[in-house]
PDB file of N, CA and C in Angstrom:
ATOM      1  N   UNK A   1     -25.184  16.340  -6.072  1.00  0.00           N
ATOM      2  CA  UNK A   1     -24.282  17.098  -5.233  1.00  0.00           C
ATOM      3  C   UNK A   1     -24.594  18.573  -5.439  1.00  0.00           C
ATOM      4  N   UNK A   2     -24.379  19.365  -4.390  1.00  0.00           N
ATOM      5  CA  UNK A   2     -24.773  20.773  -4.412  1.00  0.00           C
ATOM      6  C   UNK A   2     -23.609  21.694  -4.760  1.00  0.00           C
ATOM      7  N   UNK A   3     -22.804  21.274  -5.703  1.00  0.00           N
ATOM      8  CA  UNK A   3     -21.727  22.137  -6.165  1.00  0.00           C
ATOM      9  C   UNK A   3     -20.595  22.260  -5.168  1.00  0.00           C
ATOM     10  N   UNK A   4     -19.957  23.381  -5.224  1.00  0.00           N
ATOM     11  CA  UNK A   4     -18.741  23.609  -4.460  1.00  0.00           C
ATOM     12  C   UNK A   4     -18.953  23.642  -2.948  1.00  0.00           C
ATOM     13  N   UNK A   5     -20.186  23.846  -2.510  1.00  0.00           N
ATOM     14  CA  UNK A   5     -20.440  23.954  -1.072  1.00  0.00           C
ATOM     15  C   UNK A   5     -20.909  22.647  -0.456  1.00  0.00           C
ATOM     16  N   UNK A   6     -20.737  21.530  -1.143  1.00  0.00           N
ATOM     17  CA  UNK A   6     -21.143  20.233  -0.607  1.00  0.00           C
ATOM     18  C   UNK A   6     -20.300  19.897   0.617  1.00  0.00           C
ATOM     19  N   UNK A   7     -20.933  19.280   1.601  1.00  0.00           N
ATOM     20  CA  UNK A   7     -20.157  18.864   2.763  1.00  0.00           C
ATOM     21  C   UNK A   7     -19.584  17.471   2.524  1.00  0.00           C
ATOM     22  N   UNK A   8     -18.738  17.038   3.404  1.00  0.00           N
ATOM     23  CA  UNK A   8     -18.025  15.775   3.208  1.00  0.00           C
ATOM     24  C   UNK A   8     -18.984  14.592   3.144  1.00  0.00           C
ATOM     25  N   UNK A   9     -20.057  14.607   3.894  1.00  0.00           N
ATOM     26  CA  UNK A   9     -21.019  13.501   3.859  1.00  0.00           C
ATOM     27  C   UNK A   9     -21.694  13.414   2.491  1.00  0.00           C
ATOM     28  N   UNK A  10     -22.038  14.554   1.914  1.00  0.00           N
ATOM     29  CA  UNK A  10     -22.644  14.552   0.583  1.00  0.00           C
ATOM     30  C   UNK A  10     -21.664  14.021  -0.454  1.00  0.00           C
ATOM     31  N   UNK A  11     -20.414  14.414  -0.328  1.00  0.00           N
ATOM     32  CA  UNK A  11     -19.387  13.941  -1.262  1.00  0.00           C
ATOM     33  C   UNK A  11     -19.213  12.433  -1.127  1.00  0.00           C
ATOM     34  N   UNK A  12     -19.158  11.945   0.103  1.00  0.00           N
ATOM     35  CA  UNK A  12     -19.012  10.501   0.327  1.00  0.00           C
ATOM     36  C   UNK A  12     -20.182   9.736  -0.287  1.00  0.00           C
ATOM     37  N   UNK A  13     -21.368  10.259  -0.098  1.00  0.00           N
ATOM     38  CA  UNK A  13     -22.548   9.600  -0.674  1.00  0.00           C
ATOM     39  C   UNK A  13     -22.470   9.557  -2.195  1.00  0.00           C
ATOM     40  N   UNK A  14     -22.062  10.654  -2.812  1.00  0.00           N
ATOM     41  CA  UNK A  14     -21.938  10.695  -4.271  1.00  0.00           C
ATOM     42  C   UNK A  14     -20.892   9.693  -4.760  1.00  0.00           C
ATOM     43  N   UNK A  15     -19.810   9.565  -4.028  1.00  0.00           N
ATOM     44  CA  UNK A  15     -18.746   8.637  -4.422  1.00  0.00           C
ATOM     45  C   UNK A  15     -19.255   7.198  -4.413  1.00  0.00           C
ATOM     46  N   UNK A  16     -20.082   6.850  -3.422  1.00  0.00           N
ATOM     47  CA  UNK A  16     -20.608   5.478  -3.363  1.00  0.00           C
ATOM     48  C   UNK A  16     -21.499   5.155  -4.554  1.00  0.00           C
ATOM     49  N   UNK A  17     -21.998   6.171  -5.240  1.00  0.00           N
ATOM     50  CA  UNK A  17     -22.877   5.957  -6.394  1.00  0.00           C
ATOM     51  C   UNK A  17     -22.118   5.847  -7.720  1.00  0.00           C
ATOM     52  N   UNK A  18     -20.825   6.097  -7.693  1.00  0.00           N
ATOM     53  CA  UNK A  18     -20.038   6.048  -8.921  1.00  0.00           C
ATOM     54  C   UNK A  18     -19.914   4.626  -9.456  1.00  0.00           C
ATOM     55  N   UNK A  19     -19.976   4.473 -10.777  1.00  0.00           N
ATOM     56  CA  UNK A  19     -19.671   3.167 -11.372  1.00  0.00           C
ATOM     57  C   UNK A  19     -18.193   2.839 -11.127  1.00  0.00           C
ATOM     58  N   UNK A  20     -17.831   1.564 -11.105  1.00  0.00           N
ATOM     59  CA  UNK A  20     -16.446   1.167 -10.790  1.00  0.00           C
ATOM     60  C   UNK A  20     -15.379   1.884 -11.617  1.00  0.00           C
ATOM     61  N   UNK A  21     -15.621   2.058 -12.926  1.00  0.00           N
ATOM     62  CA  UNK A  21     -14.585   2.702 -13.753  1.00  0.00           C
ATOM     63  C   UNK A  21     -14.426   4.176 -13.400  1.00  0.00           C
ATOM     64  N   UNK A  22     -15.509   4.844 -13.019  1.00  0.00           N
ATOM     65  CA  UNK A  22     -15.426   6.249 -12.597  1.00  0.00           C
ATOM     66  C   UNK A  22     -14.755   6.351 -11.222  1.00  0.00           C
ATOM     67  N   UNK A  23     -15.053   5.400 -10.351  1.00  0.00           N
ATOM     68  CA  UNK A  23     -14.397   5.389  -9.040  1.00  0.00           C
ATOM     69  C   UNK A  23     -12.890   5.207  -9.213  1.00  0.00           C
ATOM     70  N   UNK A  24     -12.482   4.335 -10.137  1.00  0.00           N
ATOM     71  CA  UNK A  24     -11.052   4.114 -10.397  1.00  0.00           C
ATOM     72  C   UNK A  24     -10.388   5.396 -10.892  1.00  0.00           C
ATOM     73  N   UNK A  25     -11.071   6.132 -11.778  1.00  0.00           N
ATOM     74  CA  UNK A  25     -10.535   7.412 -12.259  1.00  0.00           C
ATOM     75  C   UNK A  25     -10.405   8.420 -11.121  1.00  0.00           C
ATOM     76  N   UNK A  26     -11.416   8.474 -10.261  1.00  0.00           N
ATOM     77  CA  UNK A  26     -11.370   9.388  -9.112  1.00  0.00           C
ATOM     78  C   UNK A  26     -10.230   9.020  -8.178  1.00  0.00           C
ATOM     79  N   UNK A  27     -10.098   7.746  -7.892  1.00  0.00           N
ATOM     80  CA  UNK A  27      -9.033   7.293  -6.986  1.00  0.00           C
ATOM     81  C   UNK A  27      -7.656   7.652  -7.541  1.00  0.00           C
ATOM     82  N   UNK A  28      -7.473   7.454  -8.856  1.00  0.00           N
ATOM     83  CA  UNK A  28      -6.191   7.798  -9.484  1.00  0.00           C
ATOM     84  C   UNK A  28      -5.926   9.298  -9.340  1.00  0.00           C
ATOM     85  N   UNK A  29      -6.946  10.117  -9.584  1.00  0.00           N
ATOM     86  CA  UNK A  29      -6.782  11.568  -9.469  1.00  0.00           C
ATOM     87  C   UNK A  29      -6.421  11.962  -8.038  1.00  0.00           C
ATOM     88  N   UNK A  30      -7.119  11.378  -7.047  1.00  0.00           N
ATOM     89  CA  UNK A  30      -6.839  11.706  -5.641  1.00  0.00           C
ATOM     90  C   UNK A  30      -5.406  11.311  -5.287  1.00  0.00           C
ATOM     91  N   UNK A  31      -4.965  10.137  -5.731  1.00  0.00           N
ATOM     92  CA  UNK A  31      -3.594   9.702  -5.459  1.00  0.00           C
ATOM     93  C   UNK A  31      -2.584  10.677  -6.068  1.00  0.00           C
ATOM     94  N   UNK A  32      -2.814  11.105  -7.305  1.00  0.00           N
ATOM     95  CA  UNK A  32      -1.903  12.046  -7.961  1.00  0.00           C
ATOM     96  C   UNK A  32      -1.920  13.411  -7.278  1.00  0.00           C
ATOM     97  N   UNK A  33      -3.103  13.836  -6.884  1.00  0.00           N
ATOM     98  CA  UNK A  33      -3.232  15.116  -6.186  1.00  0.00           C
ATOM     99  C   UNK A  33      -2.491  15.066  -4.852  1.00  0.00           C
ATOM    100  N   UNK A  34      -2.678  13.987  -4.113  1.00  0.00           N
ATOM    101  CA  UNK A  34      -2.025  13.825  -2.820  1.00  0.00           C
ATOM    102  C   UNK A  34      -0.504  13.776  -2.984  1.00  0.00           C
ATOM    103  N   UNK A  35      -0.029  13.066  -3.999  1.00  0.00           N
ATOM    104  CA  UNK A  35       1.412  12.988  -4.251  1.00  0.00           C
ATOM    105  C   UNK A  35       1.979  14.371  -4.565  1.00  0.00           C
ATOM    106  N   UNK A  36       1.214  15.182  -5.308  1.00  0.00           N
ATOM    107  CA  UNK A  36       1.659  16.540  -5.619  1.00  0.00           C
ATOM    108  C   UNK A  36       1.765  17.397  -4.375  1.00  0.00           C
ATOM    109  N   UNK A  37       0.805  17.233  -3.455  1.00  0.00           N
ATOM    110  CA  UNK A  37       0.869  17.975  -2.194  1.00  0.00           C
ATOM    111  C   UNK A  37       2.084  17.554  -1.386  1.00  0.00           C
ATOM    112  N   UNK A  38       2.357  16.247  -1.355  1.00  0.00           N
ATOM    113  CA  UNK A  38       3.514  15.729  -0.621  1.00  0.00           C
ATOM    114  C   UNK A  38       4.802  16.292  -1.215  1.00  0.00           C
ATOM    115  N   UNK A  39       4.905  16.272  -2.549  1.00  0.00           N
ATOM    116  CA  UNK A  39       6.103  16.810  -3.200  1.00  0.00           C
ATOM    117  C   UNK A  39       6.304  18.279  -2.849  1.00  0.00           C
ATOM    118  N   UNK A  40       5.212  19.033  -2.854  1.00  0.00           N
ATOM    119  CA  UNK A  40       5.293  20.458  -2.514  1.00  0.00           C
ATOM    120  C   UNK A  40       5.760  20.641  -1.071  1.00  0.00           C
ATOM    121  N   UNK A  41       5.222  19.824  -0.174  1.00  0.00           N
ATOM    122  CA  UNK A  41       5.605  19.929   1.236  1.00  0.00           C
ATOM    123  C   UNK A  41       7.073  19.551   1.419  1.00  0.00           C
ATOM    124  N   UNK A  42       7.514  18.487   0.768  1.00  0.00           N
ATOM    125  CA  UNK A  42       8.897  18.038   0.920  1.00  0.00           C
ATOM    126  C   UNK A  42       9.875  19.051   0.329  1.00  0.00           C
ATOM    127  N   UNK A  43       9.440  19.818  -0.650  1.00  0.00           N
ATOM    128  CA  UNK A  43      10.302  20.847  -1.240  1.00  0.00           C
ATOM    129  C   UNK A  43      10.607  21.947  -0.237  1.00  0.00           C
ATOM    130  N   UNK A  44       9.815  22.030   0.811  1.00  0.00           N
ATOM    131  CA  UNK A  44       9.985  23.069   1.810  1.00  0.00           C
ATOM    132  C   UNK A  44      10.670  22.570   3.082  1.00  0.00           C
ATOM    133  N   UNK A  45      11.168  21.346   3.072  1.00  0.00           N
ATOM    134  CA  UNK A  45      11.844  20.792   4.248  1.00  0.00           C
ATOM    135  C   UNK A  45      13.120  21.572   4.531  1.00  0.00           C
ATOM    136  N   UNK A  46      13.331  21.881   5.797  1.00  0.00           N
ATOM    137  CA  UNK A  46      14.539  22.596   6.223  1.00  0.00           C
ATOM    138  C   UNK A  46      15.290  21.699   7.202  1.00  0.00           C
ATOM    139  N   UNK A  47      16.581  21.539   6.987  1.00  0.00           N
ATOM    140  CA  UNK A  47      17.418  20.694   7.830  1.00  0.00           C
ATOM    141  C   UNK A  47      18.548  21.541   8.395  1.00  0.00           C
ATOM    142  N   UNK A  48      18.702  21.490   9.717  1.00  0.00           N
ATOM    143  CA  UNK A  48      19.759  22.246  10.402  1.00  0.00           C
ATOM    144  C   UNK A  48      20.582  21.291  11.261  1.00  0.00           C
ATOM    145  N   UNK A  49      21.886  21.367  11.106  1.00  0.00           N
ATOM    146  CA  UNK A  49      22.785  20.583  11.951  1.00  0.00           C
ATOM    147  C   UNK A  49      23.600  21.546  12.801  1.00  0.00           C
ATOM    148  N   UNK A  50      23.479  21.407  14.107  1.00  0.00           N
ATOM    149  CA  UNK A  50      24.238  22.238  15.046  1.00  0.00           C
ATOM    150  C   UNK A  50      25.394  21.386  15.561  1.00  0.00           C
ATOM    151  N   UNK A  51      26.558  21.625  15.002  1.00  0.00           N
ATOM    152  CA  UNK A  51      27.743  20.833  15.360  1.00  0.00           C
ATOM    153  C   UNK A  51      28.140  21.055  16.823  1.00  0.00           C
ATOM    154  N   UNK A  52      27.959  22.276  17.327  1.00  0.00           N
ATOM    155  CA  UNK A  52      28.311  22.578  18.711  1.00  0.00           C
ATOM    156  C   UNK A  52      27.332  21.928  19.690  1.00  0.00           C
ATOM    157  N   UNK A  53      26.060  22.048  19.395  1.00  0.00           N
ATOM    158  CA  UNK A  53      25.035  21.488  20.281  1.00  0.00           C
ATOM    159  C   UNK A  53      24.711  20.039  19.994  1.00  0.00           C
ATOM    160  N   UNK A  54      25.312  19.485  18.925  1.00  0.00           N
ATOM    161  CA  UNK A  54      25.051  18.101  18.522  1.00  0.00           C
ATOM    162  C   UNK A  54      23.566  17.815  18.350  1.00  0.00           C
ATOM    163  N   UNK A  55      22.894  18.663  17.581  1.00  0.00           N
ATOM    164  CA  UNK A  55      21.485  18.430  17.296  1.00  0.00           C
ATOM    165  C   UNK A  55      21.251  18.482  15.789  1.00  0.00           C
ATOM    166  N   UNK A  56      20.307  17.683  15.348  1.00  0.00           N
ATOM    167  CA  UNK A  56      19.829  17.722  13.976  1.00  0.00           C
ATOM    168  C   UNK A  56      18.356  18.091  14.048  1.00  0.00           C
ATOM    169  N   UNK A  57      18.003  19.207  13.429  1.00  0.00           N
ATOM    170  CA  UNK A  57      16.628  19.690  13.457  1.00  0.00           C
ATOM    171  C   UNK A  57      16.081  19.675  12.042  1.00  0.00           C
ATOM    172  N   UNK A  58      14.896  19.101  11.889  1.00  0.00           N
ATOM    173  CA  UNK A  58      14.246  18.995  10.586  1.00  0.00           C
ATOM    174  C   UNK A  58      12.851  19.592  10.701  1.00  0.00           C
ATOM    175  N   UNK A  59      12.540  20.530   9.818  1.00  0.00           N
ATOM    176  CA  UNK A  59      11.224  21.171   9.777  1.00  0.00           C
ATOM    177  C   UNK A  59      10.521  20.771   8.495  1.00  0.00           C
ATOM    178  N   UNK A  60       9.270  20.316   8.616  1.00  0.00           N
ATOM    179  CA  UNK A  60       8.439  19.986   7.457  1.00  0.00           C
ATOM    180  C   UNK A  60       7.515  21.144   7.108  1.00  0.00           C
ATOM    181  N   UNK A  61       7.407  22.104   7.998  1.00  0.00           N
ATOM    182  CA  UNK A  61       6.534  23.261   7.815  1.00  0.00           C
ATOM    183  C   UNK A  61       7.235  24.463   8.438  1.00  0.00           C
ATOM    184  N   UNK A  62       6.547  25.569   8.505  1.00  0.00           N
ATOM    185  CA  UNK A  62       7.112  26.806   9.026  1.00  0.00           C
ATOM    186  C   UNK A  62       7.439  26.666  10.516  1.00  0.00           C
ATOM    187  N   UNK A  63       8.699  26.847  10.907  1.00  0.00           N
ATOM    188  CA  UNK A  63       9.070  26.746  12.320  1.00  0.00           C
ATOM    189  C   UNK A  63       8.303  27.717  13.221  1.00  0.00           C
ATOM    190  N   UNK A  64       7.854  28.843  12.664  1.00  0.00           N
ATOM    191  CA  UNK A  64       7.103  29.808  13.477  1.00  0.00           C
ATOM    192  C   UNK A  64       5.728  29.278  13.888  1.00  0.00           C
ATOM    193  N   UNK A  65       5.281  28.193  13.254  1.00  0.00           N
ATOM    194  CA  UNK A  65       3.989  27.600  13.607  1.00  0.00           C
ATOM    195  C   UNK A  65       4.085  26.647  14.803  1.00  0.00           C
ATOM    196  N   UNK A  66       5.313  26.483  15.339  1.00  0.00           N
ATOM    197  CA  UNK A  66       5.470  25.584  16.484  1.00  0.00           C
ATOM    198  C   UNK A  66       4.664  26.097  17.671  1.00  0.00           C
ATOM    199  N   UNK A  67       3.889  25.200  18.242  1.00  0.00           N
ATOM    200  CA  UNK A  67       3.035  25.545  19.372  1.00  0.00           C
ATOM    201  C   UNK A  67       3.449  24.774  20.626  1.00  0.00           C
ATOM    202  N   UNK A  68       3.851  23.527  20.440  1.00  0.00           N
ATOM    203  CA  UNK A  68       4.229  22.688  21.575  1.00  0.00           C
ATOM    204  C   UNK A  68       5.304  21.702  21.118  1.00  0.00           C
ATOM    205  N   UNK A  69       6.154  21.307  22.058  1.00  0.00           N
ATOM    206  CA  UNK A  69       7.172  20.293  21.807  1.00  0.00           C
ATOM    207  C   UNK A  69       6.912  19.114  22.716  1.00  0.00           C
ATOM    208  N   UNK A  70       7.237  17.930  22.206  1.00  0.00           N
ATOM    209  CA  UNK A  70       6.980  16.711  22.972  1.00  0.00           C
ATOM    210  C   UNK A  70       8.187  15.793  22.855  1.00  0.00           C
ATOM    211  N   UNK A  71       8.761  15.453  24.003  1.00  0.00           N
ATOM    212  CA  UNK A  71       9.891  14.535  23.985  1.00  0.00           C
ATOM    213  C   UNK A  71       9.359  13.115  23.899  1.00  0.00           C
ATOM    214  N   UNK A  72       9.873  12.351  22.930  1.00  0.00           N
ATOM    215  CA  UNK A  72       9.356  11.006  22.704  1.00  0.00           C
ATOM    216  C   UNK A  72      10.206   9.930  23.344  1.00  0.00           C
ATOM    217  N   UNK A  73      11.331  10.283  23.875  1.00  0.00           N
ATOM    218  CA  UNK A  73      12.307   9.297  24.296  1.00  0.00           C
ATOM    219  C   UNK A  73      13.284   9.126  23.148  1.00  0.00           C
ATOM    220  N   UNK A  74      14.262   8.286  23.320  1.00  0.00           N
ATOM    221  CA  UNK A  74      15.270   8.054  22.284  1.00  0.00           C
ATOM    222  C   UNK A  74      15.903   9.354  21.793  1.00  0.00           C
ATOM    223  N   UNK A  75      15.897  10.369  22.661  1.00  0.00           N
ATOM    224  CA  UNK A  75      16.532  11.658  22.368  1.00  0.00           C
ATOM    225  C   UNK A  75      15.943  12.336  21.132  1.00  0.00           C
ATOM    226  N   UNK A  76      14.635  12.214  20.959  1.00  0.00           N
ATOM    227  CA  UNK A  76      13.931  12.850  19.849  1.00  0.00           C
ATOM    228  C   UNK A  76      12.834  13.740  20.411  1.00  0.00           C
ATOM    229  N   UNK A  77      12.765  14.958  19.901  1.00  0.00           N
ATOM    230  CA  UNK A  77      11.723  15.902  20.302  1.00  0.00           C
ATOM    231  C   UNK A  77      10.884  16.215  19.070  1.00  0.00           C
ATOM    232  N   UNK A  78       9.570  16.080  19.212  1.00  0.00           N
ATOM    233  CA  UNK A  78       8.656  16.417  18.128  1.00  0.00           C
ATOM    234  C   UNK A  78       8.147  17.826  18.333  1.00  0.00           C
ATOM    235  N   UNK A  79       8.122  18.610  17.267  1.00  0.00           N
ATOM    236  CA  UNK A  79       7.548  19.946  17.314  1.00  0.00           C
ATOM    237  C   UNK A  79       6.206  19.889  16.599  1.00  0.00           C
ATOM    238  N   UNK A  80       5.163  20.436  17.256  1.00  0.00           N
ATOM    239  CA  UNK A  80       3.812  20.354  16.714  1.00  0.00           C
ATOM    240  C   UNK A  80       3.191  21.741  16.602  1.00  0.00           C
ATOM    241  N   UNK A  81       2.233  21.858  15.684  1.00  0.00           N
ATOM    242  CA  UNK A  81       1.489  23.109  15.553  1.00  0.00           C
ATOM    243  C   UNK A  81       0.264  23.072  16.469  1.00  0.00           C
ATOM    244  N   UNK A  82      -0.571  24.099  16.411  1.00  0.00           N
ATOM    245  CA  UNK A  82      -1.735  24.189  17.300  1.00  0.00           C
ATOM    246  C   UNK A  82      -2.702  23.036  17.141  1.00  0.00           C
ATOM    247  N   UNK A  83      -2.767  22.459  15.947  1.00  0.00           N
ATOM    248  CA  UNK A  83      -3.702  21.347  15.725  1.00  0.00           C
ATOM    249  C   UNK A  83      -3.116  20.003  16.146  1.00  0.00           C
ATOM    250  N   UNK A  84      -1.861  20.004  16.606  1.00  0.00           N
ATOM    251  CA  UNK A  84      -1.225  18.766  17.044  1.00  0.00           C
ATOM    252  C   UNK A  84      -0.484  18.034  15.937  1.00  0.00           C
ATOM    253  N   UNK A  85      -0.429  18.625  14.758  1.00  0.00           N
ATOM    254  CA  UNK A  85       0.261  18.021  13.625  1.00  0.00           C
ATOM    255  C   UNK A  85       1.768  18.201  13.796  1.00  0.00           C
ATOM    256  N   UNK A  86       2.525  17.144  13.585  1.00  0.00           N
ATOM    257  CA  UNK A  86       3.987  17.220  13.679  1.00  0.00           C
ATOM    258  C   UNK A  86       4.502  18.041  12.508  1.00  0.00           C
ATOM    259  N   UNK A  87       5.244  19.099  12.832  1.00  0.00           N
ATOM    260  CA  UNK A  87       5.803  19.959  11.785  1.00  0.00           C
ATOM    261  C   UNK A  87       7.333  19.925  11.783  1.00  0.00           C
ATOM    262  N   UNK A  88       7.908  19.139  12.694  1.00  0.00           N
ATOM    263  CA  UNK A  88       9.354  19.021  12.730  1.00  0.00           C
ATOM    264  C   UNK A  88       9.798  18.108  13.857  1.00  0.00           C
ATOM    265  N   UNK A  89      11.092  17.805  13.849  1.00  0.00           N
ATOM    266  CA  UNK A  89      11.656  17.019  14.951  1.00  0.00           C
ATOM    267  C   UNK A  89      13.099  17.436  15.169  1.00  0.00           C
ATOM    268  N   UNK A  90      13.573  17.136  16.363  1.00  0.00           N
ATOM    269  CA  UNK A  90      14.968  17.406  16.693  1.00  0.00           C
ATOM    270  C   UNK A  90      15.562  16.146  17.293  1.00  0.00           C
ATOM    271  N   UNK A  91      16.700  15.737  16.764  1.00  0.00           N
ATOM    272  CA  UNK A  91      17.432  14.595  17.291  1.00  0.00           C
ATOM    273  C   UNK A  91      18.566  15.138  18.130  1.00  0.00           C
ATOM    274  N   UNK A  92      18.541  14.807  19.417  1.00  0.00           N
ATOM    275  CA  UNK A  92      19.585  15.255  20.343  1.00  0.00           C
ATOM    276  C   UNK A  92      20.787  14.332  20.253  1.00  0.00           C
ATOM    277  N   UNK A  93      21.948  14.841  20.643  1.00  0.00           N
ATOM    278  CA  UNK A  93      23.200  14.079  20.649  1.00  0.00           C
ATOM    279  C   UNK A  93      23.482  13.447  19.291  1.00  0.00           C
ATOM    280  N   UNK A  94      23.253  14.218  18.242  1.00  0.00           N
ATOM    281  CA  UNK A  94      23.498  13.768  16.882  1.00  0.00           C
ATOM    282  C   UNK A  94      24.864  14.255  16.453  1.00  0.00           C
ATOM    283  N   UNK A  95      25.666  13.372  15.918  1.00  0.00           N
ATOM    284  CA  UNK A  95      26.956  13.781  15.372  1.00  0.00           C
ATOM    285  C   UNK A  95      27.093  13.214  13.974  1.00  0.00           C
ATOM    286  N   UNK A  96      27.552  14.062  13.070  1.00  0.00           N
ATOM    287  CA  UNK A  96      27.808  13.628  11.701  1.00  0.00           C
ATOM    288  C   UNK A  96      29.147  12.922  11.695  1.00  0.00           C
ATOM    289  N   UNK A  97      29.248  11.839  10.955  1.00  0.00           N
ATOM    290  CA  UNK A  97      30.450  11.024  10.960  1.00  0.00           C
ATOM    291  C   UNK A  97      31.587  11.570  10.122  1.00  0.00           C
ATOM    292  N   UNK A  98      31.315  12.497   9.219  1.00  0.00           N
ATOM    293  CA  UNK A  98      32.358  13.011   8.329  1.00  0.00           C
ATOM    294  C   UNK A  98      32.378  14.531   8.393  1.00  0.00           C
ATOM    295  N   UNK A  99      33.315  15.126   7.667  1.00  0.00           N
ATOM    296  CA  UNK A  99      33.392  16.587   7.625  1.00  0.00           C
ATOM    297  C   UNK A  99      32.142  17.193   6.994  1.00  0.00           C
ATOM    298  N   UNK A 100      31.531  16.471   6.106  1.00  0.00           N
ATOM    299  CA  UNK A 100      30.314  16.940   5.470  1.00  0.00           C
ATOM    300  C   UNK A 100      29.190  15.956   5.761  1.00  0.00           C
ATOM    301  N   UNK A 101      28.029  16.511   5.977  1.00  0.00           N
ATOM    302  CA  UNK A 101      26.864  15.674   6.158  1.00  0.00           C
ATOM    303  C   UNK A 101      26.038  15.773   4.887  1.00  0.00           C
ATOM    304  N   UNK A 102      25.686  14.660   4.327  1.00  0.00           N
ATOM    305  CA  UNK A 102      24.879  14.640   3.112  1.00  0.00           C
ATOM    306  C   UNK A 102      23.469  14.203   3.478  1.00  0.00           C
ATOM    307  N   UNK A 103      22.511  14.908   2.929  1.00  0.00           N
ATOM    308  CA  UNK A 103      21.110  14.593   3.195  1.00  0.00           C
ATOM    309  C   UNK A 103      20.450  14.319   1.858  1.00  0.00           C
ATOM    310  N   UNK A 104      19.752  13.196   1.787  1.00  0.00           N
ATOM    311  CA  UNK A 104      19.027  12.854   0.567  1.00  0.00           C
ATOM    312  C   UNK A 104      17.582  12.584   0.932  1.00  0.00           C
ATOM    313  N   UNK A 105      16.666  13.013   0.077  1.00  0.00           N
ATOM    314  CA  UNK A 105      15.239  12.775   0.292  1.00  0.00           C
ATOM    315  C   UNK A 105      14.732  11.900  -0.843  1.00  0.00           C
ATOM    316  N   UNK A 106      13.901  10.978  -0.470  1.00  0.00           N
ATOM    317  CA  UNK A 106      13.327  10.086  -1.466  1.00  0.00           C
ATOM    318  C   UNK A 106      11.853   9.937  -1.148  1.00  0.00           C
ATOM    319  N   UNK A 107      11.016  10.022  -2.142  1.00  0.00           N
ATOM    320  CA  UNK A 107       9.597   9.774  -1.926  1.00  0.00           C
ATOM    321  C   UNK A 107       9.307   8.363  -2.416  1.00  0.00           C
ATOM    322  N   UNK A 108       8.506   7.656  -1.648  1.00  0.00           N
ATOM    323  CA  UNK A 108       8.177   6.290  -1.961  1.00  0.00           C
ATOM    324  C   UNK A 108       6.672   6.189  -2.137  1.00  0.00           C
ATOM    325  N   UNK A 109       6.242   5.613  -3.225  1.00  0.00           N
ATOM    326  CA  UNK A 109       4.813   5.431  -3.437  1.00  0.00           C
ATOM    327  C   UNK A 109       4.442   4.019  -3.000  1.00  0.00           C
ATOM    328  N   UNK A 110       3.249   3.915  -2.435  1.00  0.00           N
ATOM    329  CA  UNK A 110       2.801   2.618  -1.923  1.00  0.00           C
ATOM    330  C   UNK A 110       2.401   1.696  -3.040  1.00  0.00           C
TER     331      UNK A 110
END
């Protein structure tokens, strides 16, 4: 491999040459790294409930990165960035059943 400037094809080729125990170590590291990124992203989730407009808006990324919105049906609108990645959603006609709305986040590992 050519160091830090290797392209994805070179990296893939190197991975295929790994012995099984080294591949297992790499896979474990990638899973842990990915989980850390997910945790970091979820720490930045923003939830807004508009009691007057009856909407629940959830942002997974910076709302200023919104480029396009797409209505999916079922009164849900997806907000996407320039690359088409979903960065949030809005649920229309949402009403909280109690005086307080409680939101809990849980991460699930496969």
